[in-house]
């Protein structure tokens, strides 16, 4: 579960948790912890707990698991920007903008597109 992965991150770091996620996904591909939305929620939970380094590891992993997800790149770039890692945030934002066409049309896509464009405008190029 997401709670178990959260506990593993706190106890042993994200590398340990990532191994558990990989094992679970291999055994049960439809497991909720293997889904982008679950991992994204976990990343934001860590941000709220002021565990930004752990959150960045989660978000980076999400972008590796779901490289065509503009939403994943948006979350990662937002957290990088908040951590003051502006060059990396700009790079992640560009990847998100490149992936936006992959999202289905609708309010979620519009919100991610707007967030990425606003972030791109304020980050160094």
PDB file of N, CA and C in Angstrom:
ATOM      1  N   UNK A   1       0.839  -1.190   0.000  1.00  0.00           N
ATOM      2  CA  UNK A   1       0.000   0.000   0.000  1.00  0.00           C
ATOM      3  C   UNK A   1       0.880   1.249   0.000  1.00  0.00           C
ATOM      4  N   UNK A   2       0.267   2.373  -0.294  1.00  0.00           N
ATOM      5  CA  UNK A   2       0.989   3.646  -0.280  1.00  0.00           C
ATOM      6  C   UNK A   2       1.542   3.908   1.120  1.00  0.00           C
ATOM      7  N   UNK A   3       0.766   3.571   2.142  1.00  0.00           N
ATOM      8  CA  UNK A   3       1.225   3.777   3.518  1.00  0.00           C
ATOM      9  C   UNK A   3       2.469   2.942   3.816  1.00  0.00           C
ATOM     10  N   UNK A   4       2.494   1.699   3.322  1.00  0.00           N
ATOM     11  CA  UNK A   4       3.663   0.835   3.526  1.00  0.00           C
ATOM     12  C   UNK A   4       4.895   1.417   2.833  1.00  0.00           C
ATOM     13  N   UNK A   5       4.708   1.917   1.629  1.00  0.00           N
ATOM     14  CA  UNK A   5       5.828   2.508   0.888  1.00  0.00           C
ATOM     15  C   UNK A   5       6.314   3.761   1.611  1.00  0.00           C
ATOM     16  N   UNK A   6       5.386   4.556   2.104  1.00  0.00           N
ATOM     17  CA  UNK A   6       5.744   5.752   2.870  1.00  0.00           C
ATOM     18  C   UNK A   6       6.596   5.366   4.071  1.00  0.00           C
ATOM     19  N   UNK A   7       6.184   4.344   4.786  1.00  0.00           N
ATOM     20  CA  UNK A   7       6.935   3.868   5.956  1.00  0.00           C
ATOM     21  C   UNK A   7       8.326   3.393   5.550  1.00  0.00           C
ATOM     22  N   UNK A   8       8.413   2.692   4.422  1.00  0.00           N
ATOM     23  CA  UNK A   8       9.714   2.221   3.939  1.00  0.00           C
ATOM     24  C   UNK A   8      10.625   3.384   3.565  1.00  0.00           C
ATOM     25  N   UNK A   9      10.075   4.416   2.973  1.00  0.00           N
ATOM     26  CA  UNK A   9      10.878   5.595   2.623  1.00  0.00           C
ATOM     27  C   UNK A   9      11.454   6.210   3.890  1.00  0.00           C
ATOM     28  N   UNK A  10      10.618   6.372   4.900  1.00  0.00           N
ATOM     29  CA  UNK A  10      11.073   6.990   6.146  1.00  0.00           C
ATOM     30  C   UNK A  10      12.104   6.117   6.849  1.00  0.00           C
ATOM     31  N   UNK A  11      11.953   4.823   6.751  1.00  0.00           N
ATOM     32  CA  UNK A  11      12.859   3.906   7.454  1.00  0.00           C
ATOM     33  C   UNK A  11      14.170   3.672   6.712  1.00  0.00           C
ATOM     34  N   UNK A  12      14.100   3.547   5.376  1.00  0.00           N
ATOM     35  CA  UNK A  12      15.299   3.141   4.657  1.00  0.00           C
ATOM     36  C   UNK A  12      15.608   3.910   3.401  1.00  0.00           C
ATOM     37  N   UNK A  13      14.853   4.957   3.107  1.00  0.00           N
ATOM     38  CA  UNK A  13      15.107   5.729   1.907  1.00  0.00           C
ATOM     39  C   UNK A  13      14.324   5.210   0.719  1.00  0.00           C
ATOM     40  N   UNK A  14      14.346   5.988  -0.345  1.00  0.00           N
ATOM     41  CA  UNK A  14      13.525   5.643  -1.498  1.00  0.00           C
ATOM     42  C   UNK A  14      14.054   4.443  -2.271  1.00  0.00           C
ATOM     43  N   UNK A  15      15.341   4.175  -2.238  1.00  0.00           N
ATOM     44  CA  UNK A  15      15.866   3.021  -2.979  1.00  0.00           C
ATOM     45  C   UNK A  15      15.211   1.733  -2.489  1.00  0.00           C
ATOM     46  N   UNK A  16      15.062   1.599  -1.186  1.00  0.00           N
ATOM     47  CA  UNK A  16      14.406   0.424  -0.606  1.00  0.00           C
ATOM     48  C   UNK A  16      12.946   0.376  -1.028  1.00  0.00           C
ATOM     49  N   UNK A  17      12.285   1.513  -0.942  1.00  0.00           N
ATOM     50  CA  UNK A  17      10.877   1.577  -1.323  1.00  0.00           C
ATOM     51  C   UNK A  17      10.689   1.286  -2.806  1.00  0.00           C
ATOM     52  N   UNK A  18      11.579   1.811  -3.639  1.00  0.00           N
ATOM     53  CA  UNK A  18      11.478   1.581  -5.082  1.00  0.00           C
ATOM     54  C   UNK A  18      11.571   0.085  -5.387  1.00  0.00           C
ATOM     55  N   UNK A  19      12.440  -0.619  -4.696  1.00  0.00           N
ATOM     56  CA  UNK A  19      12.554  -2.065  -4.904  1.00  0.00           C
ATOM     57  C   UNK A  19      11.236  -2.756  -4.552  1.00  0.00           C
ATOM     58  N   UNK A  20      10.593  -2.309  -3.493  1.00  0.00           N
ATOM     59  CA  UNK A  20       9.296  -2.894  -3.103  1.00  0.00           C
ATOM     60  C   UNK A  20       8.226  -2.569  -4.146  1.00  0.00           C
ATOM     61  N   UNK A  21       8.249  -1.352  -4.673  1.00  0.00           N
ATOM     62  CA  UNK A  21       7.289  -0.967  -5.717  1.00  0.00           C
ATOM     63  C   UNK A  21       7.506  -1.833  -6.954  1.00  0.00           C
ATOM     64  N   UNK A  22       8.767  -1.997  -7.352  1.00  0.00           N
ATOM     65  CA  UNK A  22       9.083  -2.807  -8.525  1.00  0.00           C
ATOM     66  C   UNK A  22       8.625  -4.255  -8.344  1.00  0.00           C
ATOM     67  N   UNK A  23       8.876  -4.816  -7.160  1.00  0.00           N
ATOM     68  CA  UNK A  23       8.475  -6.198  -6.888  1.00  0.00           C
ATOM     69  C   UNK A  23       6.958  -6.335  -6.921  1.00  0.00           C
ATOM     70  N   UNK A  24       6.275  -5.382  -6.338  1.00  0.00           N
ATOM     71  CA  UNK A  24       4.813  -5.416  -6.330  1.00  0.00           C
ATOM     72  C   UNK A  24       4.265  -5.280  -7.742  1.00  0.00           C
ATOM     73  N   UNK A  25       4.806  -4.350  -8.509  1.00  0.00           N
ATOM     74  CA  UNK A  25       4.339  -4.133  -9.880  1.00  0.00           C
ATOM     75  C   UNK A  25       4.598  -5.354 -10.759  1.00  0.00           C
ATOM     76  N   UNK A  26       5.716  -6.041 -10.520  1.00  0.00           N
ATOM     77  CA  UNK A  26       6.020  -7.240 -11.304  1.00  0.00           C
ATOM     78  C   UNK A  26       5.033  -8.363 -10.977  1.00  0.00           C
ATOM     79  N   UNK A  27       4.670  -8.472  -9.714  1.00  0.00           N
ATOM     80  CA  UNK A  27       3.777  -9.546  -9.276  1.00  0.00           C
ATOM     81  C   UNK A  27       2.314  -9.210  -9.579  1.00  0.00           C
ATOM     82  N   UNK A  28       1.937  -7.933  -9.340  1.00  0.00           N
ATOM     83  CA  UNK A  28       0.563  -7.470  -9.546  1.00  0.00           C
ATOM     84  C   UNK A  28       0.600  -6.170 -10.351  1.00  0.00           C
ATOM     85  N   UNK A  29       0.654  -6.265 -11.677  1.00  0.00           N
ATOM     86  CA  UNK A  29       0.782  -5.054 -12.502  1.00  0.00           C
ATOM     87  C   UNK A  29      -0.319  -4.014 -12.277  1.00  0.00           C
ATOM     88  N   UNK A  30      -1.479  -4.429 -11.826  1.00  0.00           N
ATOM     89  CA  UNK A  30      -2.580  -3.493 -11.598  1.00  0.00           C
ATOM     90  C   UNK A  30      -2.621  -2.969 -10.160  1.00  0.00           C
ATOM     91  N   UNK A  31      -1.613  -3.272  -9.362  1.00  0.00           N
ATOM     92  CA  UNK A  31      -1.578  -2.797  -7.977  1.00  0.00           C
ATOM     93  C   UNK A  31      -1.609  -1.273  -7.946  1.00  0.00           C
ATOM     94  N   UNK A  32      -2.328  -0.724  -6.996  1.00  0.00           N
ATOM     95  CA  UNK A  32      -2.480   0.738  -6.958  1.00  0.00           C
ATOM     96  C   UNK A  32      -1.146   1.443  -6.773  1.00  0.00           C
ATOM     97  N   UNK A  33      -0.215   0.852  -6.050  1.00  0.00           N
ATOM     98  CA  UNK A  33       1.079   1.508  -5.814  1.00  0.00           C
ATOM     99  C   UNK A  33       1.887   1.623  -7.095  1.00  0.00           C
ATOM    100  N   UNK A  34       1.550   0.828  -8.090  1.00  0.00           N
ATOM    101  CA  UNK A  34       2.257   0.908  -9.369  1.00  0.00           C
ATOM    102  C   UNK A  34       1.654   1.971 -10.288  1.00  0.00           C
ATOM    103  N   UNK A  35       0.594   2.610  -9.847  1.00  0.00           N
ATOM    104  CA  UNK A  35      -0.096   3.613 -10.662  1.00  0.00           C
ATOM    105  C   UNK A  35       0.510   4.998 -10.443  1.00  0.00           C
ATOM    106  N   UNK A  36       0.514   5.774 -11.491  1.00  0.00           N
ATOM    107  CA  UNK A  36       1.064   7.131 -11.431  1.00  0.00           C
ATOM    108  C   UNK A  36       0.369   7.967 -10.353  1.00  0.00           C
ATOM    109  N   UNK A  37      -0.937   7.903 -10.293  1.00  0.00           N
ATOM    110  CA  UNK A  37      -1.682   8.744  -9.355  1.00  0.00           C
ATOM    111  C   UNK A  37      -1.316   8.422  -7.900  1.00  0.00           C
ATOM    112  N   UNK A  38      -1.107   7.159  -7.585  1.00  0.00           N
ATOM    113  CA  UNK A  38      -0.735   6.780  -6.214  1.00  0.00           C
ATOM    114  C   UNK A  38       0.652   7.287  -5.860  1.00  0.00           C
ATOM    115  N   UNK A  39       1.574   7.121  -6.779  1.00  0.00           N
ATOM    116  CA  UNK A  39       2.935   7.600  -6.533  1.00  0.00           C
ATOM    117  C   UNK A  39       2.963   9.125  -6.434  1.00  0.00           C
ATOM    118  N   UNK A  40       2.166   9.785  -7.262  1.00  0.00           N
ATOM    119  CA  UNK A  40       2.104  11.245  -7.226  1.00  0.00           C
ATOM    120  C   UNK A  40       1.569  11.722  -5.868  1.00  0.00           C
ATOM    121  N   UNK A  41       0.525  11.067  -5.374  1.00  0.00           N
ATOM    122  CA  UNK A  41      -0.019  11.406  -4.059  1.00  0.00           C
ATOM    123  C   UNK A  41       1.039  11.231  -2.976  1.00  0.00           C
ATOM    124  N   UNK A  42       1.798  10.156  -3.082  1.00  0.00           N
ATOM    125  CA  UNK A  42       2.883   9.897  -2.130  1.00  0.00           C
ATOM    126  C   UNK A  42       3.919  11.020  -2.175  1.00  0.00           C
ATOM    127  N   UNK A  43       4.296  11.445  -3.374  1.00  0.00           N
ATOM    128  CA  UNK A  43       5.260  12.535  -3.511  1.00  0.00           C
ATOM    129  C   UNK A  43       4.773  13.803  -2.841  1.00  0.00           C
ATOM    130  N   UNK A  44       3.515  14.152  -3.078  1.00  0.00           N
ATOM    131  CA  UNK A  44       2.971  15.365  -2.460  1.00  0.00           C
ATOM    132  C   UNK A  44       2.806  15.225  -0.949  1.00  0.00           C
ATOM    133  N   UNK A  45       2.538  14.017  -0.483  1.00  0.00           N
ATOM    134  CA  UNK A  45       2.485  13.795   0.967  1.00  0.00           C
ATOM    135  C   UNK A  45       3.849  14.095   1.585  1.00  0.00           C
ATOM    136  N   UNK A  46       4.901  13.647   0.927  1.00  0.00           N
ATOM    137  CA  UNK A  46       6.261  13.911   1.419  1.00  0.00           C
ATOM    138  C   UNK A  46       6.579  15.408   1.377  1.00  0.00           C
ATOM    139  N   UNK A  47       6.122  16.102   0.345  1.00  0.00           N
ATOM    140  CA  UNK A  47       6.320  17.561   0.289  1.00  0.00           C
ATOM    141  C   UNK A  47       5.629  18.206   1.485  1.00  0.00           C
ATOM    142  N   UNK A  48       4.406  17.819   1.756  1.00  0.00           N
ATOM    143  CA  UNK A  48       3.659  18.393   2.882  1.00  0.00           C
ATOM    144  C   UNK A  48       4.351  18.126   4.215  1.00  0.00           C
ATOM    145  N   UNK A  49       5.071  17.020   4.281  1.00  0.00           N
ATOM    146  CA  UNK A  49       5.807  16.664   5.504  1.00  0.00           C
ATOM    147  C   UNK A  49       7.198  17.300   5.544  1.00  0.00           C
ATOM    148  N   UNK A  50       7.490  18.157   4.579  1.00  0.00           N
ATOM    149  CA  UNK A  50       8.784  18.838   4.463  1.00  0.00           C
ATOM    150  C   UNK A  50       9.932  17.851   4.242  1.00  0.00           C
ATOM    151  N   UNK A  51       9.644  16.766   3.561  1.00  0.00           N
ATOM    152  CA  UNK A  51      10.651  15.768   3.173  1.00  0.00           C
ATOM    153  C   UNK A  51      10.867  15.905   1.658  1.00  0.00           C
ATOM    154  N   UNK A  52      11.374  17.077   1.293  1.00  0.00           N
ATOM    155  CA  UNK A  52      11.452  17.437  -0.126  1.00  0.00           C
ATOM    156  C   UNK A  52      12.429  16.546  -0.878  1.00  0.00           C
ATOM    157  N   UNK A  53      13.558  16.204  -0.272  1.00  0.00           N
ATOM    158  CA  UNK A  53      14.512  15.336  -0.976  1.00  0.00           C
ATOM    159  C   UNK A  53      13.883  13.991  -1.312  1.00  0.00           C
ATOM    160  N   UNK A  54      13.134  13.422  -0.370  1.00  0.00           N
ATOM    161  CA  UNK A  54      12.449  12.150  -0.626  1.00  0.00           C
ATOM    162  C   UNK A  54      11.372  12.340  -1.692  1.00  0.00           C
ATOM    163  N   UNK A  55      10.650  13.447  -1.626  1.00  0.00           N
ATOM    164  CA  UNK A  55       9.625  13.731  -2.634  1.00  0.00           C
ATOM    165  C   UNK A  55      10.241  13.832  -4.022  1.00  0.00           C
ATOM    166  N   UNK A  56      11.388  14.495  -4.112  1.00  0.00           N
ATOM    167  CA  UNK A  56      12.051  14.615  -5.411  1.00  0.00           C
ATOM    168  C   UNK A  56      12.441  13.251  -5.963  1.00  0.00           C
ATOM    169  N   UNK A  57      12.868  12.351  -5.100  1.00  0.00           N
ATOM    170  CA  UNK A  57      13.187  10.992  -5.555  1.00  0.00           C
ATOM    171  C   UNK A  57      11.941  10.294  -6.088  1.00  0.00           C
ATOM    172  N   UNK A  58      10.826  10.464  -5.395  1.00  0.00           N
ATOM    173  CA  UNK A  58       9.568   9.866  -5.845  1.00  0.00           C
ATOM    174  C   UNK A  58       9.168  10.453  -7.197  1.00  0.00           C
ATOM    175  N   UNK A  59       9.173  11.767  -7.305  1.00  0.00           N
ATOM    176  CA  UNK A  59       8.758  12.401  -8.560  1.00  0.00           C
ATOM    177  C   UNK A  59       9.702  12.049  -9.714  1.00  0.00           C
ATOM    178  N   UNK A  60      10.997  11.971  -9.438  1.00  0.00           N
ATOM    179  CA  UNK A  60      11.942  11.565 -10.489  1.00  0.00           C
ATOM    180  C   UNK A  60      11.629  10.149 -10.963  1.00  0.00           C
ATOM    181  N   UNK A  61      11.329   9.273 -10.014  1.00  0.00           N
ATOM    182  CA  UNK A  61      10.987   7.899 -10.362  1.00  0.00           C
ATOM    183  C   UNK A  61       9.715   7.852 -11.202  1.00  0.00           C
ATOM    184  N   UNK A  62       8.737   8.672 -10.850  1.00  0.00           N
ATOM    185  CA  UNK A  62       7.495   8.701 -11.630  1.00  0.00           C
ATOM    186  C   UNK A  62       7.791   9.090 -13.078  1.00  0.00           C
ATOM    187  N   UNK A  63       8.685  10.073 -13.272  1.00  0.00           N
ATOM    188  CA  UNK A  63       8.993  10.486 -14.645  1.00  0.00           C
ATOM    189  C   UNK A  63       9.728   9.385 -15.409  1.00  0.00           C
ATOM    190  N   UNK A  64      10.443   8.514 -14.689  1.00  0.00           N
ATOM    191  CA  UNK A  64      11.082   7.372 -15.358  1.00  0.00           C
ATOM    192  C   UNK A  64      10.053   6.293 -15.692  1.00  0.00           C
ATOM    193  N   UNK A  65       9.110   6.088 -14.787  1.00  0.00           N
ATOM    194  CA  UNK A  65       8.079   5.075 -15.016  1.00  0.00           C
ATOM    195  C   UNK A  65       7.057   5.528 -16.061  1.00  0.00           C
ATOM    196  N   UNK A  66       6.781   6.828 -16.097  1.00  0.00           N
ATOM    197  CA  UNK A  66       5.761   7.395 -16.985  1.00  0.00           C
ATOM    198  C   UNK A  66       6.346   8.596 -17.734  1.00  0.00           C
ATOM    199  N   UNK A  67       7.341   8.365 -18.607  1.00  0.00           N
ATOM    200  CA  UNK A  67       8.066   9.476 -19.239  1.00  0.00           C
ATOM    201  C   UNK A  67       7.209  10.338 -20.165  1.00  0.00           C
ATOM    202  N   UNK A  68       6.072   9.826 -20.611  1.00  0.00           N
ATOM    203  CA  UNK A  68       5.208  10.596 -21.509  1.00  0.00           C
ATOM    204  C   UNK A  68       4.097  11.330 -20.761  1.00  0.00           C
ATOM    205  N   UNK A  69       4.182  11.355 -19.426  1.00  0.00           N
ATOM    206  CA  UNK A  69       3.148  11.996 -18.625  1.00  0.00           C
ATOM    207  C   UNK A  69       3.506  13.449 -18.324  1.00  0.00           C
ATOM    208  N   UNK A  70       2.766  14.360 -18.917  1.00  0.00           N
ATOM    209  CA  UNK A  70       2.977  15.783 -18.630  1.00  0.00           C
ATOM    210  C   UNK A  70       2.698  16.075 -17.160  1.00  0.00           C
ATOM    211  N   UNK A  71       1.739  15.378 -16.596  1.00  0.00           N
ATOM    212  CA  UNK A  71       1.408  15.572 -15.188  1.00  0.00           C
ATOM    213  C   UNK A  71       2.581  15.184 -14.288  1.00  0.00           C
ATOM    214  N   UNK A  72       3.249  14.093 -14.620  1.00  0.00           N
ATOM    215  CA  UNK A  72       4.415  13.669 -13.838  1.00  0.00           C
ATOM    216  C   UNK A  72       5.517  14.723 -13.908  1.00  0.00           C
ATOM    217  N   UNK A  73       5.767  15.234 -15.095  1.00  0.00           N
ATOM    218  CA  UNK A  73       6.801  16.261 -15.260  1.00  0.00           C
ATOM    219  C   UNK A  73       6.415  17.548 -14.554  1.00  0.00           C
ATOM    220  N   UNK A  74       5.118  17.862 -14.550  1.00  0.00           N
ATOM    221  CA  UNK A  74       4.640  19.046 -13.858  1.00  0.00           C
ATOM    222  C   UNK A  74       4.904  18.936 -12.359  1.00  0.00           C
ATOM    223  N   UNK A  75       4.555  17.812 -11.765  1.00  0.00           N
ATOM    224  CA  UNK A  75       4.777  17.623 -10.325  1.00  0.00           C
ATOM    225  C   UNK A  75       6.265  17.693  -9.991  1.00  0.00           C
ATOM    226  N   UNK A  76       7.070  17.048 -10.812  1.00  0.00           N
ATOM    227  CA  UNK A  76       8.514  17.038 -10.582  1.00  0.00           C
ATOM    228  C   UNK A  76       9.084  18.454 -10.711  1.00  0.00           C
ATOM    229  N   UNK A  77       8.688  19.161 -11.777  1.00  0.00           N
ATOM    230  CA  UNK A  77       9.232  20.503 -11.986  1.00  0.00           C
ATOM    231  C   UNK A  77       8.768  21.465 -10.897  1.00  0.00           C
ATOM    232  N   UNK A  78       7.532  21.322 -10.451  1.00  0.00           N
ATOM    233  CA  UNK A  78       7.019  22.169  -9.374  1.00  0.00           C
ATOM    234  C   UNK A  78       7.836  21.982  -8.094  1.00  0.00           C
ATOM    235  N   UNK A  79       8.139  20.740  -7.775  1.00  0.00           N
ATOM    236  CA  UNK A  79       8.894  20.450  -6.551  1.00  0.00           C
ATOM    237  C   UNK A  79      10.349  20.884  -6.696  1.00  0.00           C
ATOM    238  N   UNK A  80      10.924  20.695  -7.868  1.00  0.00           N
ATOM    239  CA  UNK A  80      12.282  21.187  -8.106  1.00  0.00           C
ATOM    240  C   UNK A  80      12.345  22.697  -7.942  1.00  0.00           C
ATOM    241  N   UNK A  81      11.369  23.394  -8.508  1.00  0.00           N
ATOM    242  CA  UNK A  81      11.341  24.849  -8.383  1.00  0.00           C
ATOM    243  C   UNK A  81      11.241  25.245  -6.910  1.00  0.00           C
ATOM    244  N   UNK A  82      10.360  24.607  -6.174  1.00  0.00           N
ATOM    245  CA  UNK A  82      10.201  24.903  -4.760  1.00  0.00           C
ATOM    246  C   UNK A  82      11.457  24.653  -3.957  1.00  0.00           C
ATOM    247  N   UNK A  83      12.268  23.700  -4.413  1.00  0.00           N
ATOM    248  CA  UNK A  83      13.527  23.368  -3.745  1.00  0.00           C
ATOM    249  C   UNK A  83      14.666  24.275  -4.196  1.00  0.00           C
ATOM    250  N   UNK A  84      14.380  25.213  -5.111  1.00  0.00           N
ATOM    251  CA  UNK A  84      15.407  26.129  -5.582  1.00  0.00           C
ATOM    252  C   UNK A  84      16.320  25.556  -6.648  1.00  0.00           C
ATOM    253  N   UNK A  85      15.945  24.415  -7.214  1.00  0.00           N
ATOM    254  CA  UNK A  85      16.750  23.771  -8.267  1.00  0.00           C
ATOM    255  C   UNK A  85      16.191  24.214  -9.621  1.00  0.00           C
ATOM    256  N   UNK A  86      16.477  25.472  -9.941  1.00  0.00           N
ATOM    257  CA  UNK A  86      15.790  26.123 -11.049  1.00  0.00           C
ATOM    258  C   UNK A  86      16.171  25.590 -12.425  1.00  0.00           C
ATOM    259  N   UNK A  87      17.434  25.268 -12.628  1.00  0.00           N
ATOM    260  CA  UNK A  87      17.840  24.732 -13.934  1.00  0.00           C
ATOM    261  C   UNK A  87      17.180  23.377 -14.177  1.00  0.00           C
ATOM    262  N   UNK A  88      17.174  22.535 -13.166  1.00  0.00           N
ATOM    263  CA  UNK A  88      16.535  21.227 -13.291  1.00  0.00           C
ATOM    264  C   UNK A  88      15.023  21.384 -13.456  1.00  0.00           C
ATOM    265  N   UNK A  89      14.443  22.374 -12.761  1.00  0.00           N
ATOM    266  CA  UNK A  89      13.005  22.640 -12.890  1.00  0.00           C
ATOM    267  C   UNK A  89      12.667  23.069 -14.313  1.00  0.00           C
ATOM    268  N   UNK A  90      13.513  23.907 -14.900  1.00  0.00           N
ATOM    269  CA  UNK A  90      13.286  24.353 -16.275  1.00  0.00           C
ATOM    270  C   UNK A  90      13.353  23.182 -17.245  1.00  0.00           C
ATOM    271  N   UNK A  91      14.309  22.287 -17.037  1.00  0.00           N
ATOM    272  CA  UNK A  91      14.437  21.105 -17.901  1.00  0.00           C
ATOM    273  C   UNK A  91      13.210  20.206 -17.778  1.00  0.00           C
ATOM    274  N   UNK A  92      12.763  19.965 -16.547  1.00  0.00           N
ATOM    275  CA  UNK A  92      11.586  19.118 -16.332  1.00  0.00           C
ATOM    276  C   UNK A  92      10.330  19.782 -16.907  1.00  0.00           C
ATOM    277  N   UNK A  93      10.246  21.097 -16.785  1.00  0.00           N
ATOM    278  CA  UNK A  93       9.110  21.827 -17.340  1.00  0.00           C
ATOM    279  C   UNK A  93       9.069  21.671 -18.861  1.00  0.00           C
ATOM    280  N   UNK A  94      10.216  21.783 -19.503  1.00  0.00           N
ATOM    281  CA  UNK A  94      10.283  21.614 -20.959  1.00  0.00           C
ATOM    282  C   UNK A  94       9.823  20.214 -21.361  1.00  0.00           C
ATOM    283  N   UNK A  95      10.209  19.210 -20.588  1.00  0.00           N
ATOM    284  CA  UNK A  95       9.775  17.834 -20.890  1.00  0.00           C
ATOM    285  C   UNK A  95       8.272  17.698 -20.705  1.00  0.00           C
ATOM    286  N   UNK A  96       7.734  18.368 -19.700  1.00  0.00           N
ATOM    287  CA  UNK A  96       6.289  18.344 -19.498  1.00  0.00           C
ATOM    288  C   UNK A  96       5.545  18.997 -20.654  1.00  0.00           C
ATOM    289  N   UNK A  97       6.056  20.128 -21.107  1.00  0.00           N
ATOM    290  CA  UNK A  97       5.426  20.813 -22.236  1.00  0.00           C
ATOM    291  C   UNK A  97       5.482  19.957 -23.499  1.00  0.00           C
ATOM    292  N   UNK A  98       6.577  19.233 -23.668  1.00  0.00           N
ATOM    293  CA  UNK A  98       6.702  18.356 -24.832  1.00  0.00           C
ATOM    294  C   UNK A  98       5.712  17.193 -24.767  1.00  0.00           C
ATOM    295  N   UNK A  99       5.320  16.801 -23.563  1.00  0.00           N
ATOM    296  CA  UNK A  99       4.430  15.658 -23.387  1.00  0.00           C
ATOM    297  C   UNK A  99       2.953  16.046 -23.307  1.00  0.00           C
ATOM    298  N   UNK A 100       2.649  17.326 -23.237  1.00  0.00           N
ATOM    299  CA  UNK A 100       1.263  17.749 -22.989  1.00  0.00           C
ATOM    300  C   UNK A 100       0.283  17.230 -24.046  1.00  0.00           C
ATOM    301  N   UNK A 101       0.732  17.099 -25.269  1.00  0.00           N
ATOM    302  CA  UNK A 101      -0.149  16.624 -26.342  1.00  0.00           C
ATOM    303  C   UNK A 101      -0.621  15.188 -26.108  1.00  0.00           C
ATOM    304  N   UNK A 102       0.086  14.438 -25.251  1.00  0.00           N
ATOM    305  CA  UNK A 102      -0.275  13.051 -24.968  1.00  0.00           C
ATOM    306  C   UNK A 102      -1.486  12.956 -24.030  1.00  0.00           C
ATOM    307  N   UNK A 103      -1.773  14.040 -23.298  1.00  0.00           N
ATOM    308  CA  UNK A 103      -2.888  14.021 -22.349  1.00  0.00           C
ATOM    309  C   UNK A 103      -4.216  14.178 -23.083  1.00  0.00           C
ATOM    310  N   UNK A 104      -5.238  13.490 -22.603  1.00  0.00           N
ATOM    311  CA  UNK A 104      -6.558  13.697 -23.194  1.00  0.00           C
ATOM    312  C   UNK A 104      -7.040  15.129 -22.954  1.00  0.00           C
ATOM    313  N   UNK A 105      -7.761  15.666 -23.900  1.00  0.00           N
ATOM    314  CA  UNK A 105      -8.304  17.016 -23.750  1.00  0.00           C
ATOM    315  C   UNK A 105      -9.250  17.063 -22.563  1.00  0.00           C
ATOM    316  N   UNK A 106      -9.256  18.209 -21.901  1.00  0.00           N
ATOM    317  CA  UNK A 106     -10.166  18.369 -20.775  1.00  0.00           C
ATOM    318  C   UNK A 106      -9.575  19.262 -19.710  1.00  0.00           C
ATOM    319  N   UNK A 107     -10.296  19.428 -18.615  1.00  0.00           N
ATOM    320  CA  UNK A 107      -9.866  20.356 -17.567  1.00  0.00           C
ATOM    321  C   UNK A 107      -8.516  20.002 -16.946  1.00  0.00           C
ATOM    322  N   UNK A 108      -8.224  18.720 -16.774  1.00  0.00           N
ATOM    323  CA  UNK A 108      -6.939  18.319 -16.176  1.00  0.00           C
ATOM    324  C   UNK A 108      -5.789  18.722 -17.091  1.00  0.00           C
ATOM    325  N   UNK A 109      -5.944  18.434 -18.370  1.00  0.00           N
ATOM    326  CA  UNK A 109      -4.903  18.820 -19.332  1.00  0.00           C
ATOM    327  C   UNK A 109      -4.727  20.340 -19.345  1.00  0.00           C
ATOM    328  N   UNK A 110      -5.840  21.065 -19.338  1.00  0.00           N
ATOM    329  CA  UNK A 110      -5.770  22.529 -19.353  1.00  0.00           C
ATOM    330  C   UNK A 110      -5.013  23.046 -18.130  1.00  0.00           C
ATOM    331  N   UNK A 111      -5.272  22.462 -16.958  1.00  0.00           N
ATOM    332  CA  UNK A 111      -4.619  22.907 -15.726  1.00  0.00           C
ATOM    333  C   UNK A 111      -3.121  22.609 -15.756  1.00  0.00           C
ATOM    334  N   UNK A 112      -2.755  21.413 -16.217  1.00  0.00           N
ATOM    335  CA  UNK A 112      -1.336  21.050 -16.298  1.00  0.00           C
ATOM    336  C   UNK A 112      -0.637  21.939 -17.321  1.00  0.00           C
ATOM    337  N   UNK A 113      -1.267  22.150 -18.460  1.00  0.00           N
ATOM    338  CA  UNK A 113      -0.693  22.999 -19.506  1.00  0.00           C
ATOM    339  C   UNK A 113      -0.466  24.422 -18.981  1.00  0.00           C
ATOM    340  N   UNK A 114      -1.444  24.969 -18.282  1.00  0.00           N
ATOM    341  CA  UNK A 114      -1.310  26.309 -17.730  1.00  0.00           C
ATOM    342  C   UNK A 114      -0.182  26.369 -16.703  1.00  0.00           C
ATOM    343  N   UNK A 115      -0.127  25.389 -15.802  1.00  0.00           N
ATOM    344  CA  UNK A 115       0.921  25.374 -14.772  1.00  0.00           C
ATOM    345  C   UNK A 115       2.307  25.289 -15.401  1.00  0.00           C
ATOM    346  N   UNK A 116       2.452  24.440 -16.407  1.00  0.00           N
ATOM    347  CA  UNK A 116       3.754  24.300 -17.073  1.00  0.00           C
ATOM    348  C   UNK A 116       4.154  25.585 -17.795  1.00  0.00           C
ATOM    349  N   UNK A 117       3.211  26.194 -18.504  1.00  0.00           N
ATOM    350  CA  UNK A 117       3.530  27.437 -19.211  1.00  0.00           C
ATOM    351  C   UNK A 117       3.876  28.566 -18.240  1.00  0.00           C
ATOM    352  N   UNK A 118       3.152  28.675 -17.146  1.00  0.00           N
ATOM    353  CA  UNK A 118       3.458  29.710 -16.150  1.00  0.00           C
ATOM    354  C   UNK A 118       4.837  29.469 -15.534  1.00  0.00           C
ATOM    355  N   UNK A 119       5.158  28.203 -15.244  1.00  0.00           N
ATOM    356  CA  UNK A 119       6.460  27.891 -14.671  1.00  0.00           C
ATOM    357  C   UNK A 119       7.563  28.182 -15.678  1.00  0.00           C
ATOM    358  N   UNK A 120       7.342  27.824 -16.924  1.00  0.00           N
ATOM    359  CA  UNK A 120       8.354  28.074 -17.971  1.00  0.00           C
ATOM    360  C   UNK A 120       8.640  29.567 -18.088  1.00  0.00           C
ATOM    361  N   UNK A 121       7.600  30.382 -17.940  1.00  0.00           N
ATOM    362  CA  UNK A 121       7.769  31.829 -18.081  1.00  0.00           C
ATOM    363  C   UNK A 121       8.599  32.434 -16.957  1.00  0.00           C
ATOM    364  N   UNK A 122       8.560  31.843 -15.777  1.00  0.00           N
ATOM    365  CA  UNK A 122       9.287  32.445 -14.653  1.00  0.00           C
ATOM    366  C   UNK A 122      10.642  31.786 -14.379  1.00  0.00           C
ATOM    367  N   UNK A 123      10.913  30.646 -15.000  1.00  0.00           N
ATOM    368  CA  UNK A 123      12.200  29.978 -14.779  1.00  0.00           C
ATOM    369  C   UNK A 123      13.246  30.476 -15.769  1.00  0.00           C
ATOM    370  N   UNK A 124      14.515  30.417 -15.364  1.00  0.00           N
ATOM    371  CA  UNK A 124      15.581  30.812 -16.299  1.00  0.00           C
ATOM    372  C   UNK A 124      15.638  29.870 -17.487  1.00  0.00           C
ATOM    373  N   UNK A 125      15.999  30.437 -18.607  1.00  0.00           N
ATOM    374  CA  UNK A 125      16.101  29.611 -19.820  1.00  0.00           C
ATOM    375  C   UNK A 125      17.514  29.210 -20.081  1.00  0.00           C
TER     376      UNK A 125
END
